[in-house]
N, C-alpha and C. Protein backbone atom coordinates (compact mmCIF):
# COMPACT_ATOMS: atom_id res chain seq x y z
N MET A 1 55.63 100.78 172.87
CA MET A 1 54.90 101.83 172.17
C MET A 1 53.67 102.18 173.00
N ASN A 2 53.52 103.46 173.27
CA ASN A 2 52.38 103.97 174.02
C ASN A 2 51.62 104.94 173.13
N ILE A 3 50.32 104.70 172.93
CA ILE A 3 49.50 105.55 172.07
C ILE A 3 48.22 105.89 172.81
N THR A 4 47.93 107.19 172.91
CA THR A 4 46.67 107.64 173.48
C THR A 4 46.08 108.69 172.55
N ASN A 5 44.78 108.88 172.64
CA ASN A 5 44.18 109.93 171.82
C ASN A 5 43.07 110.64 172.56
N GLU A 6 42.85 111.89 172.15
CA GLU A 6 41.78 112.71 172.71
C GLU A 6 41.26 113.63 171.62
N LYS A 7 39.99 113.99 171.73
CA LYS A 7 39.37 114.89 170.75
C LYS A 7 39.51 116.34 171.18
N LYS A 8 39.87 117.18 170.23
CA LYS A 8 39.90 118.63 170.41
C LYS A 8 39.09 119.21 169.25
N GLY A 9 37.80 119.40 169.46
CA GLY A 9 36.93 119.83 168.37
C GLY A 9 36.83 118.73 167.33
N ASP A 10 37.14 119.05 166.07
CA ASP A 10 37.08 118.02 165.03
C ASP A 10 38.46 117.40 164.75
N VAL A 11 39.40 117.61 165.68
CA VAL A 11 40.75 117.06 165.53
C VAL A 11 40.96 115.97 166.58
N CYS A 12 41.49 114.84 166.15
CA CYS A 12 41.86 113.77 167.07
C CYS A 12 43.36 113.89 167.33
N VAL A 13 43.72 114.20 168.58
CA VAL A 13 45.12 114.33 168.96
C VAL A 13 45.61 112.96 169.41
N VAL A 14 46.62 112.45 168.71
CA VAL A 14 47.18 111.13 169.01
C VAL A 14 48.58 111.34 169.58
N ALA A 15 48.75 111.02 170.85
CA ALA A 15 50.06 111.15 171.50
C ALA A 15 50.78 109.81 171.39
N VAL A 16 51.97 109.86 170.81
CA VAL A 16 52.75 108.65 170.57
C VAL A 16 54.00 108.70 171.43
N GLY A 17 54.30 107.60 172.10
CA GLY A 17 55.51 107.53 172.92
C GLY A 17 56.28 106.25 172.64
N GLY A 18 57.59 106.34 172.67
CA GLY A 18 58.43 105.17 172.44
C GLY A 18 59.23 105.30 171.17
N ARG A 19 59.50 104.16 170.55
CA ARG A 19 60.31 104.11 169.34
C ARG A 19 59.41 103.89 168.13
N LEU A 20 59.47 104.79 167.20
CA LEU A 20 58.71 104.68 165.96
C LEU A 20 59.61 103.99 164.94
N ASP A 21 59.70 102.66 165.10
CA ASP A 21 60.59 101.85 164.27
C ASP A 21 59.83 100.66 163.71
N GLY A 22 60.53 99.65 163.25
CA GLY A 22 59.89 98.49 162.65
C GLY A 22 58.90 97.80 163.56
N ALA A 23 59.11 97.88 164.86
CA ALA A 23 58.19 97.26 165.81
C ALA A 23 57.02 98.17 166.15
N GLY A 24 57.27 99.45 166.36
CA GLY A 24 56.23 100.37 166.80
C GLY A 24 55.42 101.02 165.69
N ALA A 25 56.04 101.19 164.53
CA ALA A 25 55.38 101.90 163.42
C ALA A 25 54.07 101.25 162.98
N PRO A 26 54.03 99.91 162.82
CA PRO A 26 52.76 99.30 162.40
C PRO A 26 51.64 99.52 163.41
N GLU A 27 51.99 99.61 164.68
CA GLU A 27 51.00 99.86 165.72
C GLU A 27 50.38 101.25 165.56
N VAL A 28 51.22 102.24 165.29
CA VAL A 28 50.74 103.61 165.07
C VAL A 28 49.86 103.66 163.82
N GLU A 29 50.33 103.02 162.77
CA GLU A 29 49.59 102.98 161.51
C GLU A 29 48.21 102.37 161.71
N SER A 30 48.16 101.24 162.40
CA SER A 30 46.89 100.55 162.66
C SER A 30 45.97 101.41 163.53
N HIS A 31 46.52 102.05 164.55
CA HIS A 31 45.73 102.90 165.44
C HIS A 31 45.10 104.06 164.66
N CYS A 32 45.91 104.72 163.85
CA CYS A 32 45.41 105.86 163.07
C CYS A 32 44.38 105.42 162.03
N ARG A 33 44.59 104.26 161.42
CA ARG A 33 43.63 103.75 160.45
C ARG A 33 42.28 103.49 161.12
N ALA A 34 42.31 102.91 162.33
CA ALA A 34 41.07 102.66 163.07
C ALA A 34 40.36 103.98 163.39
N LEU A 35 41.12 105.01 163.72
CA LEU A 35 40.52 106.32 163.98
C LEU A 35 39.85 106.88 162.74
N ILE A 36 40.50 106.73 161.59
CA ILE A 36 39.91 107.19 160.32
C ILE A 36 38.61 106.45 160.07
N GLU A 37 38.64 105.13 160.25
CA GLU A 37 37.44 104.32 160.03
C GLU A 37 36.33 104.71 160.99
N GLY A 38 36.69 105.26 162.15
CA GLY A 38 35.71 105.73 163.12
C GLY A 38 35.25 107.16 162.88
N GLY A 39 35.70 107.75 161.76
CA GLY A 39 35.26 109.09 161.39
C GLY A 39 36.19 110.22 161.80
N ASN A 40 37.35 109.88 162.36
CA ASN A 40 38.32 110.91 162.78
C ASN A 40 39.31 111.17 161.66
N LYS A 41 38.91 112.02 160.73
CA LYS A 41 39.75 112.24 159.54
C LYS A 41 40.82 113.30 159.75
N ASN A 42 40.66 114.19 160.72
CA ASN A 42 41.70 115.18 161.03
C ASN A 42 42.49 114.68 162.23
N GLN A 43 43.77 114.40 162.01
CA GLN A 43 44.59 113.83 163.07
C GLN A 43 45.85 114.65 163.30
N LEU A 44 46.15 114.85 164.58
CA LEU A 44 47.36 115.53 165.01
C LEU A 44 48.19 114.52 165.78
N LEU A 45 49.35 114.16 165.25
CA LEU A 45 50.24 113.24 165.95
C LEU A 45 51.22 114.05 166.79
N ASP A 46 51.10 113.91 168.11
CA ASP A 46 52.01 114.57 169.05
C ASP A 46 53.16 113.60 169.31
N LEU A 47 54.34 113.94 168.79
CA LEU A 47 55.50 113.06 168.86
C LEU A 47 56.47 113.45 169.97
N ALA A 48 56.01 114.19 170.97
CA ALA A 48 56.90 114.67 172.05
C ALA A 48 57.62 113.52 172.75
N GLN A 49 56.97 112.38 172.88
CA GLN A 49 57.56 111.26 173.62
C GLN A 49 58.20 110.21 172.71
N VAL A 50 58.35 110.53 171.43
CA VAL A 50 59.02 109.59 170.51
C VAL A 50 60.52 109.74 170.68
N GLU A 51 61.17 108.65 171.07
CA GLU A 51 62.60 108.65 171.35
C GLU A 51 63.44 108.45 170.09
N TYR A 52 62.84 107.78 169.11
CA TYR A 52 63.61 107.37 167.92
C TYR A 52 62.64 107.16 166.77
N ILE A 53 63.06 107.51 165.56
CA ILE A 53 62.25 107.23 164.37
C ILE A 53 63.17 106.63 163.30
N SER A 54 62.72 105.53 162.72
CA SER A 54 63.49 104.86 161.67
C SER A 54 62.79 105.06 160.33
N SER A 55 63.36 104.47 159.29
CA SER A 55 62.73 104.55 157.97
C SER A 55 61.35 103.90 157.99
N ALA A 56 61.17 102.87 158.81
CA ALA A 56 59.85 102.24 158.94
C ALA A 56 58.85 103.22 159.56
N GLY A 57 59.31 104.02 160.51
CA GLY A 57 58.46 105.03 161.12
C GLY A 57 58.08 106.12 160.13
N LEU A 58 59.05 106.55 159.32
CA LEU A 58 58.77 107.54 158.28
C LEU A 58 57.75 107.01 157.30
N ARG A 59 57.92 105.75 156.90
CA ARG A 59 56.99 105.12 155.96
C ARG A 59 55.58 105.11 156.54
N SER A 60 55.45 104.75 157.81
CA SER A 60 54.13 104.71 158.44
C SER A 60 53.48 106.08 158.48
N LEU A 61 54.27 107.12 158.75
CA LEU A 61 53.71 108.48 158.74
C LEU A 61 53.19 108.84 157.36
N LEU A 62 53.92 108.43 156.33
CA LEU A 62 53.50 108.70 154.96
C LEU A 62 52.21 107.94 154.63
N VAL A 63 52.13 106.68 155.06
CA VAL A 63 50.93 105.87 154.83
C VAL A 63 49.73 106.51 155.52
N VAL A 64 49.90 106.91 156.77
CA VAL A 64 48.80 107.55 157.52
C VAL A 64 48.39 108.85 156.83
N ALA A 65 49.35 109.64 156.38
CA ALA A 65 49.04 110.90 155.69
C ALA A 65 48.20 110.64 154.45
N LYS A 66 48.55 109.61 153.69
CA LYS A 66 47.79 109.27 152.48
C LYS A 66 46.38 108.81 152.83
N GLN A 67 46.24 108.01 153.89
CA GLN A 67 44.92 107.52 154.30
C GLN A 67 44.04 108.67 154.79
N VAL A 68 44.63 109.57 155.57
CA VAL A 68 43.89 110.73 156.07
C VAL A 68 43.44 111.60 154.90
N LYS A 69 44.34 111.84 153.96
CA LYS A 69 44.00 112.66 152.79
C LYS A 69 42.89 112.01 151.97
N ALA A 70 42.96 110.69 151.79
CA ALA A 70 41.93 109.97 151.03
C ALA A 70 40.57 110.08 151.71
N ALA A 71 40.56 110.23 153.04
CA ALA A 71 39.32 110.37 153.79
C ALA A 71 38.83 111.82 153.81
N GLY A 72 39.60 112.72 153.18
CA GLY A 72 39.21 114.13 153.14
C GLY A 72 39.68 114.93 154.34
N GLY A 73 40.65 114.40 155.05
CA GLY A 73 41.14 115.07 156.25
C GLY A 73 42.56 115.58 156.11
N THR A 74 43.12 115.95 157.25
CA THR A 74 44.47 116.49 157.31
C THR A 74 45.24 115.80 158.43
N LEU A 75 46.50 115.49 158.15
CA LEU A 75 47.41 114.97 159.17
C LEU A 75 48.44 116.05 159.47
N MET A 76 48.69 116.26 160.76
CA MET A 76 49.72 117.20 161.16
C MET A 76 50.52 116.56 162.29
N LEU A 77 51.80 116.91 162.37
CA LEU A 77 52.68 116.45 163.44
C LEU A 77 53.04 117.63 164.32
N CYS A 78 53.29 117.37 165.60
CA CYS A 78 53.75 118.45 166.48
C CYS A 78 54.68 117.90 167.55
N ASN A 79 55.35 118.83 168.23
CA ASN A 79 56.24 118.52 169.35
C ASN A 79 57.35 117.54 168.98
N LEU A 80 57.98 117.77 167.85
CA LEU A 80 59.07 116.91 167.42
C LEU A 80 60.33 117.20 168.25
N SER A 81 60.97 116.14 168.73
CA SER A 81 62.25 116.30 169.43
C SER A 81 63.28 116.75 168.41
N SER A 82 64.42 117.20 168.88
CA SER A 82 65.46 117.64 167.95
C SER A 82 65.91 116.50 167.05
N MET A 83 65.99 115.27 167.58
CA MET A 83 66.40 114.12 166.78
C MET A 83 65.37 113.82 165.69
N VAL A 84 64.10 113.78 166.06
CA VAL A 84 63.05 113.49 165.09
C VAL A 84 62.98 114.61 164.06
N SER A 85 63.10 115.84 164.50
CA SER A 85 63.09 116.98 163.59
C SER A 85 64.24 116.90 162.58
N GLU A 86 65.41 116.51 163.06
CA GLU A 86 66.57 116.38 162.17
C GLU A 86 66.34 115.29 161.13
N VAL A 87 65.77 114.16 161.55
CA VAL A 87 65.47 113.07 160.61
C VAL A 87 64.46 113.55 159.57
N MET A 88 63.46 114.31 160.00
CA MET A 88 62.46 114.85 159.07
C MET A 88 63.12 115.77 158.03
N GLU A 89 64.03 116.61 158.48
CA GLU A 89 64.71 117.54 157.57
C GLU A 89 65.62 116.80 156.60
N ILE A 90 66.43 115.88 157.10
CA ILE A 90 67.37 115.14 156.25
C ILE A 90 66.63 114.32 155.20
N SER A 91 65.51 113.72 155.61
CA SER A 91 64.75 112.87 154.69
C SER A 91 63.87 113.67 153.74
N GLY A 92 63.65 114.95 154.03
CA GLY A 92 62.77 115.77 153.21
C GLY A 92 61.31 115.65 153.60
N PHE A 93 61.02 114.88 154.65
CA PHE A 93 59.64 114.70 155.08
C PHE A 93 59.05 115.99 155.66
N ASP A 94 59.91 116.92 156.07
CA ASP A 94 59.40 118.20 156.56
C ASP A 94 58.78 119.02 155.44
N LYS A 95 59.05 118.65 154.20
CA LYS A 95 58.45 119.31 153.04
C LYS A 95 57.16 118.61 152.60
N ILE A 96 57.00 117.36 153.03
CA ILE A 96 55.85 116.54 152.62
C ILE A 96 54.73 116.61 153.66
N LEU A 97 55.10 116.54 154.93
CA LEU A 97 54.13 116.50 156.02
C LEU A 97 54.00 117.87 156.68
N LYS A 98 52.81 118.14 157.22
CA LYS A 98 52.58 119.39 157.93
C LYS A 98 53.09 119.23 159.36
N ILE A 99 53.91 120.18 159.80
CA ILE A 99 54.51 120.10 161.12
C ILE A 99 54.30 121.43 161.85
N ALA A 100 53.84 121.33 163.10
CA ALA A 100 53.65 122.51 163.94
C ALA A 100 54.55 122.39 165.17
N ALA A 101 54.85 123.52 165.78
CA ALA A 101 55.74 123.53 166.94
C ALA A 101 55.14 122.78 168.13
N ASP A 102 53.85 123.01 168.39
CA ASP A 102 53.21 122.38 169.55
C ASP A 102 51.72 122.17 169.27
N ARG A 103 51.04 121.58 170.23
CA ARG A 103 49.60 121.29 170.06
C ARG A 103 48.79 122.55 169.80
N HIS A 104 49.07 123.59 170.58
CA HIS A 104 48.30 124.83 170.44
C HIS A 104 48.41 125.40 169.03
N ALA A 105 49.63 125.47 168.52
CA ALA A 105 49.85 125.99 167.16
C ALA A 105 49.18 125.09 166.12
N ALA A 106 49.25 123.79 166.34
CA ALA A 106 48.66 122.85 165.39
C ALA A 106 47.14 122.98 165.36
N ILE A 107 46.52 123.02 166.54
CA ILE A 107 45.06 123.15 166.62
C ILE A 107 44.63 124.45 165.94
N ALA A 108 45.40 125.52 166.12
CA ALA A 108 45.09 126.79 165.47
C ALA A 108 45.15 126.64 163.95
N GLN A 109 46.12 125.88 163.45
CA GLN A 109 46.22 125.67 162.00
C GLN A 109 45.05 124.85 161.46
N PHE A 110 44.50 123.98 162.30
CA PHE A 110 43.31 123.23 161.90
C PHE A 110 42.09 124.14 161.88
N GLY A 111 42.20 125.30 162.51
CA GLY A 111 41.08 126.24 162.54
C GLY A 111 40.31 126.19 163.83
N GLY A 112 40.89 125.58 164.86
CA GLY A 112 40.17 125.42 166.12
C GLY A 112 40.68 126.24 167.24
């Protein structure tokens, strides 16, 4: 699991790479929680490098979304591969989570 982040205005862009599964999902969840605790309540998860997402990965995204919302912020996802996008659609998570085509579109939706 590879996780990096950078600030774009008041949005923290978190680039995730690898498998978002039982092994990697807790790492993403912990990373995002630490960002929230550091005052980064608006988070954009760039999933371009995510090769696979399991139910554990979906659960972690939901947990992060709830934590971000509780902090008064917004969570958005972008750059979903066709496989990840299909999992989001089948699971109905595309109706629950905010998803943008790419970073530029997502940052614009944040108002930046």
